[in-house]
C-alpha atoms as a PDB file:
ATOM      1  CA  MET A   1     -42.097   7.821  12.273  1.00  0.00           C
ATOM      2  CA  SER A   2     -44.692   6.271  14.557  1.00  0.00           C
ATOM      3  CA  THR A   3     -44.162   2.970  16.316  1.00  0.00           C
ATOM      4  CA  ARG A   4     -47.585   1.373  16.537  1.00  0.00           C
ATOM      5  CA  ALA A   5     -48.474  -1.238  19.142  1.00  0.00           C
ATOM      6  CA  THR A   6     -51.323  -3.190  20.660  1.00  0.00           C
ATOM      7  CA  TYR A   7     -51.910  -3.699  24.372  1.00  0.00           C
ATOM      8  CA  GLN A   8     -53.856  -6.764  25.447  1.00  0.00           C
ATOM      9  CA  PHE A   9     -55.253  -6.837  28.989  1.00  0.00           C
ATOM     10  CA  THR A  10     -55.978 -10.357  30.226  1.00  0.00           C
ATOM     11  CA  HIS A  11     -57.599 -12.214  33.111  1.00  0.00           C
ATOM     12  CA  PRO A  12     -57.938 -16.004  33.418  1.00  0.00           C
ATOM     13  CA  ASP A  13     -61.719 -15.826  33.968  1.00  0.00           C
ATOM     14  CA  GLN A  14     -62.680 -13.197  31.373  1.00  0.00           C
ATOM     15  CA  ASP A  15     -62.180 -12.338  27.725  1.00  0.00           C
ATOM     16  CA  SER A  16     -59.195 -10.114  27.054  1.00  0.00           C
ATOM     17  CA  ILE A  17     -59.505  -6.549  25.769  1.00  0.00           C
ATOM     18  CA  THR A  18     -57.021  -5.126  23.262  1.00  0.00           C
ATOM     19  CA  VAL A  19     -56.172  -1.462  22.694  1.00  0.00           C
ATOM     20  CA  TYR A  20     -54.417  -0.191  19.560  1.00  0.00           C
ATOM     21  CA  LYS A  21     -52.154   2.850  20.110  1.00  0.00           C
ATOM     22  CA  HIS A  22     -50.918   4.738  17.078  1.00  0.00           C
ATOM     23  CA  HIS A  23     -47.473   5.846  18.290  1.00  0.00           C
ATOM     24  CA  ASP A  24     -44.744   5.524  20.951  1.00  0.00           C
ATOM     25  CA  GLY A  25     -45.149   1.753  21.025  1.00  0.00           C
ATOM     26  CA  TYR A  26     -41.429   1.023  21.412  1.00  0.00           C
ATOM     27  CA  PRO A  27     -40.708  -0.624  24.806  1.00  0.00           C
ATOM     28  CA  GLU A  28     -39.579   2.512  26.681  1.00  0.00           C
ATOM     29  CA  GLY A  29     -42.712   4.392  25.604  1.00  0.00           C
ATOM     30  CA  ALA A  30     -45.123   1.497  25.980  1.00  0.00           C
ATOM     31  CA  LEU A  31     -43.995   0.674  29.484  1.00  0.00           C
ATOM     32  CA  ARG A  32     -44.425   4.336  30.420  1.00  0.00           C
ATOM     33  CA  TRP A  33     -48.074   4.062  29.234  1.00  0.00           C
ATOM     34  CA  ILE A  34     -48.584   0.871  31.244  1.00  0.00           C
ATOM     35  CA  THR A  35     -46.992   2.473  34.322  1.00  0.00           C
ATOM     36  CA  ASN A  36     -49.305   5.478  33.871  1.00  0.00           C
ATOM     37  CA  THR A  37     -52.157   2.975  34.058  1.00  0.00           C
ATOM     38  CA  VAL A  38     -51.067   1.783  37.499  1.00  0.00           C
ATOM     39  CA  VAL A  39     -50.768   5.384  38.722  1.00  0.00           C
ATOM     40  CA  ASP A  40     -54.251   6.087  37.347  1.00  0.00           C
ATOM     41  CA  LEU A  41     -55.740   3.049  39.099  1.00  0.00           C
ATOM     42  CA  VAL A  42     -54.197   4.099  42.414  1.00  0.00           C
ATOM     43  CA  SER A  43     -55.282   7.729  42.065  1.00  0.00           C
ATOM     44  CA  TYR A  44     -58.872   6.711  41.295  1.00  0.00           C
ATOM     45  CA  GLY A  45     -58.905   4.296  44.251  1.00  0.00           C
ATOM     46  CA  GLU A  46     -59.364   1.240  42.027  1.00  0.00           C
ATOM     47  CA  MET A  47     -56.179  -0.328  43.356  1.00  0.00           C
ATOM     48  CA  VAL A  48     -54.340   0.086  46.637  1.00  0.00           C
ATOM     49  CA  SER A  49     -50.690   0.609  45.680  1.00  0.00           C
ATOM     50  CA  ASP A  50     -49.236  -1.848  48.210  1.00  0.00           C
ATOM     51  CA  ASN A  51     -51.866  -4.543  47.740  1.00  0.00           C
ATOM     52  CA  LEU A  52     -52.130  -6.578  44.553  1.00  0.00           C
ATOM     53  CA  ARG A  53     -53.735  -9.585  46.201  1.00  0.00           C
ATOM     54  CA  TYR A  54     -56.746  -9.298  43.922  1.00  0.00           C
ATOM     55  CA  ALA A  55     -56.798  -9.304  40.161  1.00  0.00           C
ATOM     56  CA  LEU A  56     -58.113  -6.469  38.015  1.00  0.00           C
ATOM     57  CA  TYR A  57     -60.417  -7.269  35.121  1.00  0.00           C
ATOM     58  CA  PRO A  58     -59.473  -6.473  31.513  1.00  0.00           C
ATOM     59  CA  GLU A  59     -62.242  -3.888  31.150  1.00  0.00           C
ATOM     60  CA  THR A  60     -60.930  -1.953  34.174  1.00  0.00           C
ATOM     61  CA  LEU A  61     -57.347  -2.137  32.918  1.00  0.00           C
ATOM     62  CA  ALA A  62     -58.190  -1.060  29.352  1.00  0.00           C
ATOM     63  CA  HIS A  63     -60.337   1.816  30.594  1.00  0.00           C
ATOM     64  CA  ALA A  64     -57.581   3.005  32.962  1.00  0.00           C
ATOM     65  CA  PHE A  65     -54.969   2.670  30.178  1.00  0.00           C
ATOM     66  CA  MET A  66     -56.979   4.898  27.858  1.00  0.00           C
ATOM     67  CA  ARG A  67     -57.905   7.367  30.622  1.00  0.00           C
ATOM     68  CA  ALA A  68     -54.298   7.685  31.855  1.00  0.00           C
ATOM     69  CA  ASN A  69     -52.851   8.191  28.374  1.00  0.00           C
ATOM     70  CA  LYS A  70     -55.614  10.118  26.603  1.00  0.00           C
ATOM     71  CA  GLU A  71     -53.325  13.053  25.816  1.00  0.00           C
ATOM     72  CA  HIS A  72     -50.637  10.838  24.290  1.00  0.00           C
ATOM     73  CA  GLY A  73     -52.001  10.019  20.870  1.00  0.00           C
ATOM     74  CA  PHE A  74     -54.742   8.098  19.142  1.00  0.00           C
ATOM     75  CA  MET A  75     -56.016   4.894  20.800  1.00  0.00           C
ATOM     76  CA  GLU A  76     -58.973   2.608  20.210  1.00  0.00           C
ATOM     77  CA  ILE A  77     -60.399  -0.667  21.468  1.00  0.00           C
ATOM     78  CA  THR A  78     -59.838  -3.266  18.759  1.00  0.00           C
ATOM     79  CA  PRO A  79     -61.100  -6.856  18.335  1.00  0.00           C
ATOM     80  CA  SER A  80     -57.555  -8.273  18.351  1.00  0.00           C
ATOM     81  CA  ALA A  81     -53.917  -7.476  17.738  1.00  0.00           C
ATOM     82  CA  GLU A  82     -54.153  -9.212  14.348  1.00  0.00           C
ATOM     83  CA  GLU A  83     -56.525  -6.480  13.108  1.00  0.00           C
ATOM     84  CA  HIS A  84     -53.506  -4.174  12.736  1.00  0.00           C
ATOM     85  CA  ALA A  85     -50.786  -5.297  10.340  1.00  0.00           C
ATOM     86  CA  ASP A  86     -48.788  -2.108  10.952  1.00  0.00           C
ATOM     87  CA  THR A  87     -47.798  -2.809  14.565  1.00  0.00           C
ATOM     88  CA  GLU A  88     -44.198  -3.391  15.595  1.00  0.00           C
ATOM     89  CA  TYR A  89     -44.935  -4.527  19.157  1.00  0.00           C
ATOM     90  CA  HIS A  90     -47.643  -6.292  21.124  1.00  0.00           C
ATOM     91  CA  TYR A  91     -47.858  -6.034  24.913  1.00  0.00           C
ATOM     92  CA  MET A  92     -49.823  -8.444  27.055  1.00  0.00           C
ATOM     93  CA  VAL A  93     -50.626  -7.263  30.584  1.00  0.00           C
ATOM     94  CA  THR A  94     -52.094  -9.756  33.022  1.00  0.00           C
ATOM     95  CA  SER A  95     -54.504  -8.916  35.808  1.00  0.00           C
ATOM     96  CA  TYR A  96     -51.539  -9.002  38.231  1.00  0.00           C
ATOM     97  CA  PHE A  97     -49.328  -6.787  36.020  1.00  0.00           C
ATOM     98  CA  THR A  98     -47.074  -9.419  34.585  1.00  0.00           C
ATOM     99  CA  VAL A  99     -45.961  -7.972  31.261  1.00  0.00           C
ATOM    100  CA  LEU A 100     -45.133  -9.903  28.096  1.00  0.00           C
ATOM    101  CA  VAL A 101     -43.490  -8.005  25.234  1.00  0.00           C
ATOM    102  CA  PHE A 102     -43.670  -9.367  21.692  1.00  0.00           C
ATOM    103  CA  GLY A 103     -41.836  -7.947  18.683  1.00  0.00           C
ATOM    104  CA  LYS A 104     -41.335  -8.716  15.015  1.00  0.00           C
ATOM    105  CA  THR A 105     -38.335 -10.606  13.729  1.00  0.00           C
ATOM    106  CA  GLY A 106     -37.525 -11.066  10.110  1.00  0.00           C
ATOM    107  CA  SER A 107     -40.556 -11.020   7.858  1.00  0.00           C
ATOM    108  CA  GLU A 108     -43.232 -11.676  10.492  1.00  0.00           C
ATOM    109  CA  LYS A 109     -46.498  -9.946   9.701  1.00  0.00           C
ATOM    110  CA  HIS A 110     -47.393  -9.548  13.390  1.00  0.00           C
ATOM    111  CA  PRO A 111     -45.197  -9.226  16.487  1.00  0.00           C
ATOM    112  CA  ASN A 112     -45.057 -12.882  17.598  1.00  0.00           C
ATOM    113  CA  THR A 113     -41.560 -13.216  19.058  1.00  0.00           C
ATOM    114  CA  LEU A 114     -41.441 -13.055  22.858  1.00  0.00           C
ATOM    115  CA  LEU A 115     -38.824 -10.456  23.846  1.00  0.00           C
ATOM    116  CA  PHE A 116     -39.554 -10.162  27.577  1.00  0.00           C
ATOM    117  CA  GLU A 117     -41.743 -11.641  30.309  1.00  0.00           C
ATOM    118  CA  GLY A 118     -41.785 -10.459  33.918  1.00  0.00           C
ATOM    119  CA  THR A 119     -43.087  -7.904  36.380  1.00  0.00           C
ATOM    120  CA  LEU A 120     -43.816  -4.323  35.360  1.00  0.00           C
ATOM    121  CA  ALA A 121     -40.838  -3.105  37.419  1.00  0.00           C
ATOM    122  CA  LYS A 122     -38.485  -5.562  35.701  1.00  0.00           C
ATOM    123  CA  ALA A 123     -39.983  -4.693  32.317  1.00  0.00           C
ATOM    124  CA  ASN A 124     -39.182  -1.017  32.903  1.00  0.00           C
ATOM    125  CA  ASP A 125     -35.596  -1.946  33.851  1.00  0.00           C
ATOM    126  CA  TRP A 126     -35.292  -4.126  30.741  1.00  0.00           C
ATOM    127  CA  ALA A 127     -36.629  -1.422  28.414  1.00  0.00           C
ATOM    128  CA  ASN A 128     -34.613   1.449  29.862  1.00  0.00           C
ATOM    129  CA  ASN A 129     -31.293  -0.366  30.395  1.00  0.00           C
ATOM    130  CA  PRO A 130     -30.680  -2.483  27.296  1.00  0.00           C
END
């Protein structure tokens, strides 16, 4: 069974961009996709790996996310996370790679419960060492 999720890339000075991904949206998988995004940005020279003094815009992050994970299932840009009632998780990634993970609890229609907030490295630790 697929675990669907949305990934929202944010910046304080720009509108966010949200990507819907059809499967592997559980935290271990999702954080692998987000980590792939960082690797992609470094390999394309859009980010220097030891320097995050500047913020990346949502359009750059969403494009890198889709480029880095294009062989890992269906993805599309979507107007908002609320457009997809079948998602189990929602991930918010800031321009400085702070990650917020939201999940469903009880009978929630959308994943609104904050499960984690922190750096990408700490998010990977949280997801892979419950």
